[in-house]
Amino acid sequence: MNIWIAIGVTAVGCYAAKLIGLLVPAGVLERPLVQRLAALLPVALLAALTAQQTFADGRGLVLDARAAGLAAAAVALLLRAPFLLVVAAAVVVTAGVRAMTG
């Protein structure tokens, strides 16, 4: 029964978030500060998610093959590689480090 309560609360929360977004006056959304923040927010959230998924295991900070893959992706980005090549570099390096460490 607890799972249904969680699903219900989540559904109501999502609906409320959408409703609040629709109720914000257009004048507020057209302010330059709001537009800059709206443009930067997805990047910040993605960076935080990447850091959490790369350097945490649920109990503490770790430095493992995922960090090597992230470093390879960063190097590929600095070299202005296409997105698929960036992802491929991260995958190959991560898999290689995991294979070498057992």
N, C-alpha and C. Protein backbone atom coordinates (compact mmCIF):
# COMPACT_ATOMS: atom_id res chain seq x y z
N MET A 1 0.82 -1.20 0.00
CA MET A 1 0.00 0.00 0.00
C MET A 1 0.86 1.26 0.00
N ASN A 2 2.05 1.21 0.62
CA ASN A 2 2.91 2.39 0.67
C ASN A 2 3.36 2.83 -0.71
N ILE A 3 3.53 1.88 -1.63
CA ILE A 3 3.97 2.23 -2.98
C ILE A 3 2.90 3.07 -3.67
N TRP A 4 1.63 2.77 -3.43
CA TRP A 4 0.55 3.55 -4.05
C TRP A 4 0.48 4.95 -3.47
N ILE A 5 0.79 5.09 -2.21
CA ILE A 5 0.84 6.42 -1.61
C ILE A 5 1.97 7.23 -2.25
N ALA A 6 3.11 6.60 -2.43
CA ALA A 6 4.25 7.28 -3.06
C ALA A 6 3.92 7.67 -4.49
N ILE A 7 3.26 6.79 -5.21
CA ILE A 7 2.87 7.10 -6.59
C ILE A 7 1.89 8.26 -6.61
N GLY A 8 0.92 8.25 -5.72
CA GLY A 8 -0.05 9.33 -5.64
C GLY A 8 0.57 10.67 -5.29
N VAL A 9 1.47 10.65 -4.31
CA VAL A 9 2.15 11.89 -3.91
C VAL A 9 3.01 12.41 -5.06
N THR A 10 3.68 11.52 -5.75
CA THR A 10 4.51 11.93 -6.88
C THR A 10 3.65 12.52 -8.00
N ALA A 11 2.53 11.90 -8.29
CA ALA A 11 1.64 12.40 -9.34
C ALA A 11 1.11 13.79 -8.98
N VAL A 12 0.69 13.96 -7.74
CA VAL A 12 0.19 15.26 -7.30
C VAL A 12 1.31 16.31 -7.35
N GLY A 13 2.52 15.92 -6.94
CA GLY A 13 3.65 16.84 -6.99
C GLY A 13 3.98 17.27 -8.41
N CYS A 14 3.96 16.32 -9.35
CA CYS A 14 4.23 16.65 -10.75
C CYS A 14 3.16 17.58 -11.31
N TYR A 15 1.92 17.30 -10.98
CA TYR A 15 0.83 18.15 -11.44
C TYR A 15 0.96 19.55 -10.86
N ALA A 16 1.31 19.64 -9.58
CA ALA A 16 1.48 20.95 -8.94
C ALA A 16 2.63 21.73 -9.56
N ALA A 17 3.73 21.04 -9.88
CA ALA A 17 4.86 21.72 -10.51
C ALA A 17 4.47 22.28 -11.87
N LYS A 18 3.73 21.49 -12.65
CA LYS A 18 3.26 21.97 -13.95
C LYS A 18 2.31 23.15 -13.78
N LEU A 19 1.42 23.06 -12.82
CA LEU A 19 0.45 24.13 -12.59
C LEU A 19 1.13 25.42 -12.16
N ILE A 20 2.12 25.31 -11.29
CA ILE A 20 2.85 26.50 -10.85
C ILE A 20 3.57 27.14 -12.05
N GLY A 21 4.13 26.31 -12.92
CA GLY A 21 4.78 26.84 -14.12
C GLY A 21 3.82 27.59 -15.02
N LEU A 22 2.59 27.12 -15.11
CA LEU A 22 1.60 27.79 -15.95
C LEU A 22 1.07 29.06 -15.32
N LEU A 23 1.11 29.16 -14.01
CA LEU A 23 0.56 30.31 -13.31
C LEU A 23 1.54 31.48 -13.19
N VAL A 24 2.81 31.25 -13.53
CA VAL A 24 3.81 32.32 -13.45
C VAL A 24 3.49 33.34 -14.54
N PRO A 25 3.41 34.63 -14.19
CA PRO A 25 3.12 35.66 -15.20
C PRO A 25 4.20 35.72 -16.28
N ALA A 26 3.80 36.02 -17.50
CA ALA A 26 4.74 36.09 -18.62
C ALA A 26 5.82 37.14 -18.39
N GLY A 27 5.47 38.22 -17.72
CA GLY A 27 6.46 39.27 -17.45
C GLY A 27 7.64 38.77 -16.64
N VAL A 28 7.38 37.87 -15.71
CA VAL A 28 8.45 37.31 -14.89
C VAL A 28 9.38 36.46 -15.75
N LEU A 29 8.81 35.69 -16.66
CA LEU A 29 9.60 34.80 -17.51
C LEU A 29 10.43 35.55 -18.55
N GLU A 30 10.07 36.78 -18.85
CA GLU A 30 10.79 37.55 -19.85
C GLU A 30 11.95 38.35 -19.28
N ARG A 31 12.14 38.33 -17.96
CA ARG A 31 13.25 39.05 -17.35
C ARG A 31 14.57 38.39 -17.76
N PRO A 32 15.60 39.20 -18.03
CA PRO A 32 16.90 38.63 -18.47
C PRO A 32 17.51 37.67 -17.45
N LEU A 33 17.40 37.99 -16.17
CA LEU A 33 17.97 37.10 -15.15
C LEU A 33 17.29 35.74 -15.16
N VAL A 34 15.99 35.73 -15.28
CA VAL A 34 15.24 34.47 -15.30
C VAL A 34 15.61 33.67 -16.54
N GLN A 35 15.76 34.33 -17.67
CA GLN A 35 16.12 33.62 -18.90
C GLN A 35 17.53 33.04 -18.82
N ARG A 36 18.48 33.80 -18.20
CA ARG A 36 19.83 33.27 -18.04
C ARG A 36 19.84 32.06 -17.11
N LEU A 37 19.09 32.17 -16.01
CA LEU A 37 19.04 31.05 -15.07
C LEU A 37 18.38 29.83 -15.70
N ALA A 38 17.34 30.05 -16.48
CA ALA A 38 16.66 28.93 -17.15
C ALA A 38 17.58 28.25 -18.16
N ALA A 39 18.46 29.02 -18.78
CA ALA A 39 19.40 28.44 -19.75
C ALA A 39 20.51 27.66 -19.05
N LEU A 40 20.92 28.10 -17.85
CA LEU A 40 22.03 27.46 -17.16
C LEU A 40 21.60 26.31 -16.25
N LEU A 41 20.36 26.28 -15.85
CA LEU A 41 19.89 25.26 -14.90
C LEU A 41 20.06 23.83 -15.42
N PRO A 42 19.70 23.51 -16.65
CA PRO A 42 19.91 22.13 -17.12
C PRO A 42 21.37 21.71 -17.11
N VAL A 43 22.28 22.63 -17.45
CA VAL A 43 23.71 22.31 -17.45
C VAL A 43 24.17 22.01 -16.03
N ALA A 44 23.73 22.83 -15.08
CA ALA A 44 24.12 22.61 -13.68
C ALA A 44 23.58 21.29 -13.15
N LEU A 45 22.33 20.98 -13.48
CA LEU A 45 21.75 19.71 -13.02
C LEU A 45 22.45 18.51 -13.64
N LEU A 46 22.79 18.61 -14.92
CA LEU A 46 23.50 17.51 -15.57
C LEU A 46 24.90 17.33 -14.98
N ALA A 47 25.58 18.43 -14.69
CA ALA A 47 26.90 18.35 -14.08
C ALA A 47 26.83 17.72 -12.70
N ALA A 48 25.83 18.10 -11.92
CA ALA A 48 25.68 17.52 -10.58
C ALA A 48 25.36 16.03 -10.66
N LEU A 49 24.49 15.65 -11.58
CA LEU A 49 24.16 14.24 -11.75
C LEU A 49 25.37 13.44 -12.21
N THR A 50 26.15 14.00 -13.12
CA THR A 50 27.35 13.32 -13.59
C THR A 50 28.36 13.13 -12.45
N ALA A 51 28.56 14.17 -11.66
CA ALA A 51 29.50 14.07 -10.54
C ALA A 51 29.02 13.03 -9.52
N GLN A 52 27.74 13.04 -9.23
CA GLN A 52 27.21 12.09 -8.24
C GLN A 52 27.32 10.66 -8.75
N GLN A 53 27.02 10.43 -10.01
CA GLN A 53 27.08 9.09 -10.56
C GLN A 53 28.51 8.61 -10.76
N THR A 54 29.45 9.54 -10.94
CA THR A 54 30.84 9.16 -11.19
C THR A 54 31.62 8.92 -9.92
N PHE A 55 31.41 9.75 -8.91
CA PHE A 55 32.28 9.72 -7.74
C PHE A 55 31.60 9.21 -6.47
N ALA A 56 30.40 8.65 -6.57
CA ALA A 56 29.72 8.15 -5.38
C ALA A 56 29.24 6.72 -5.62
N ASP A 57 29.22 5.94 -4.54
CA ASP A 57 28.71 4.58 -4.65
C ASP A 57 27.55 4.33 -3.68
N GLY A 58 26.99 5.38 -3.12
CA GLY A 58 25.88 5.23 -2.19
C GLY A 58 26.30 5.35 -0.75
N ARG A 59 27.57 5.13 -0.47
CA ARG A 59 28.07 5.21 0.91
C ARG A 59 29.13 6.28 1.08
N GLY A 60 29.85 6.59 0.01
CA GLY A 60 30.94 7.56 0.12
C GLY A 60 31.51 7.86 -1.25
N LEU A 61 32.59 8.61 -1.24
CA LEU A 61 33.25 8.98 -2.49
C LEU A 61 34.17 7.86 -2.94
N VAL A 62 34.21 7.61 -4.23
CA VAL A 62 35.08 6.59 -4.81
C VAL A 62 35.79 7.15 -6.04
N LEU A 63 36.92 6.58 -6.34
CA LEU A 63 37.65 6.93 -7.55
C LEU A 63 37.94 5.62 -8.26
N ASP A 64 37.17 5.34 -9.32
CA ASP A 64 37.30 4.06 -10.01
C ASP A 64 37.29 4.28 -11.52
N ALA A 65 36.91 3.26 -12.25
CA ALA A 65 36.94 3.30 -13.71
C ALA A 65 36.03 4.38 -14.28
N ARG A 66 34.96 4.70 -13.58
CA ARG A 66 34.05 5.75 -14.06
C ARG A 66 34.76 7.09 -14.16
N ALA A 67 35.64 7.37 -13.22
CA ALA A 67 36.40 8.63 -13.25
C ALA A 67 37.33 8.67 -14.47
N ALA A 68 37.93 7.54 -14.79
CA ALA A 68 38.79 7.48 -15.98
C ALA A 68 37.97 7.71 -17.24
N GLY A 69 36.79 7.15 -17.30
CA GLY A 69 35.91 7.37 -18.44
C GLY A 69 35.49 8.82 -18.57
N LEU A 70 35.19 9.44 -17.44
CA LEU A 70 34.84 10.86 -17.46
C LEU A 70 36.02 11.70 -17.93
N ALA A 71 37.21 11.37 -17.48
CA ALA A 71 38.40 12.09 -17.92
C ALA A 71 38.61 11.94 -19.43
N ALA A 72 38.38 10.74 -19.95
CA ALA A 72 38.52 10.52 -21.39
C ALA A 72 37.48 11.34 -22.16
N ALA A 73 36.27 11.41 -21.64
CA ALA A 73 35.23 12.22 -22.29
C ALA A 73 35.61 13.69 -22.26
N ALA A 74 36.18 14.15 -21.16
CA ALA A 74 36.60 15.55 -21.06
C ALA A 74 37.69 15.87 -22.08
N VAL A 75 38.63 14.95 -22.23
CA VAL A 75 39.70 15.16 -23.22
C VAL A 75 39.11 15.20 -24.63
N ALA A 76 38.19 14.29 -24.91
CA ALA A 76 37.56 14.27 -26.24
C ALA A 76 36.78 15.57 -26.48
N LEU A 77 36.13 16.08 -25.45
CA LEU A 77 35.42 17.36 -25.60
C LEU A 77 36.39 18.51 -25.85
N LEU A 78 37.52 18.50 -25.15
CA LEU A 78 38.52 19.55 -25.37
C LEU A 78 39.08 19.51 -26.79
N LEU A 79 39.13 18.31 -27.35
CA LEU A 79 39.60 18.15 -28.73
C LEU A 79 38.49 18.38 -29.75
N ARG A 80 37.31 18.79 -29.25
CA ARG A 80 36.13 19.10 -30.08
C ARG A 80 35.68 17.90 -30.92
N ALA A 81 35.69 16.74 -30.30
CA ALA A 81 35.22 15.53 -30.98
C ALA A 81 33.69 15.54 -31.05
N PRO A 82 33.12 14.87 -32.03
CA PRO A 82 31.66 14.74 -32.10
C PRO A 82 31.11 14.00 -30.86
N PHE A 83 29.86 14.25 -30.55
CA PHE A 83 29.27 13.71 -29.33
C PHE A 83 29.38 12.19 -29.25
N LEU A 84 29.09 11.49 -30.34
CA LEU A 84 29.15 10.02 -30.31
C LEU A 84 30.57 9.54 -30.03
N LEU A 85 31.56 10.26 -30.53
CA LEU A 85 32.95 9.88 -30.27
C LEU A 85 33.30 10.14 -28.80
N VAL A 86 32.75 11.19 -28.22
CA VAL A 86 32.97 11.48 -26.79
C VAL A 86 32.41 10.33 -25.95
N VAL A 87 31.20 9.92 -26.25
CA VAL A 87 30.58 8.82 -25.51
C VAL A 87 31.36 7.53 -25.73
N ALA A 88 31.77 7.27 -26.96
CA ALA A 88 32.53 6.05 -27.25
C ALA A 88 33.86 6.04 -26.50
N ALA A 89 34.53 7.18 -26.44
CA ALA A 89 35.80 7.25 -25.71
C ALA A 89 35.59 6.94 -24.23
N ALA A 90 34.53 7.50 -23.66
CA ALA A 90 34.25 7.24 -22.25
C ALA A 90 33.95 5.77 -22.01
N VAL A 91 33.18 5.17 -22.89
CA VAL A 91 32.82 3.75 -22.74
C VAL A 91 34.05 2.86 -22.87
N VAL A 92 34.86 3.11 -23.88
CA VAL A 92 36.04 2.26 -24.13
C VAL A 92 37.02 2.38 -22.97
N VAL A 93 37.28 3.59 -22.50
CA VAL A 93 38.23 3.77 -21.40
C VAL A 93 37.69 3.14 -20.12
N THR A 94 36.43 3.35 -19.83
CA THR A 94 35.85 2.76 -18.61
C THR A 94 35.92 1.24 -18.67
N ALA A 95 35.55 0.67 -19.80
CA ALA A 95 35.61 -0.79 -19.95
C ALA A 95 37.05 -1.29 -19.86
N GLY A 96 37.98 -0.57 -20.47
CA GLY A 96 39.37 -0.98 -20.41
C GLY A 96 39.93 -0.97 -19.00
N VAL A 97 39.63 0.09 -18.25
CA VAL A 97 40.12 0.15 -16.87
C VAL A 97 39.47 -0.94 -16.03
N ARG A 98 38.19 -1.19 -16.22
CA ARG A 98 37.53 -2.27 -15.46
C ARG A 98 38.12 -3.63 -15.82
N ALA A 99 38.45 -3.83 -17.08
CA ALA A 99 39.04 -5.12 -17.49
C ALA A 99 40.44 -5.30 -16.89
N MET A 100 41.19 -4.21 -16.79
CA MET A 100 42.55 -4.30 -16.25
C MET A 100 42.55 -4.50 -14.74
N THR A 101 41.54 -3.96 -14.06
CA THR A 101 41.52 -4.07 -12.60
C THR A 101 40.78 -5.30 -12.11
N GLY A 102 40.18 -6.00 -13.01
CA GLY A 102 39.62 -7.28 -12.64
C GLY A 102 38.18 -7.29 -12.43
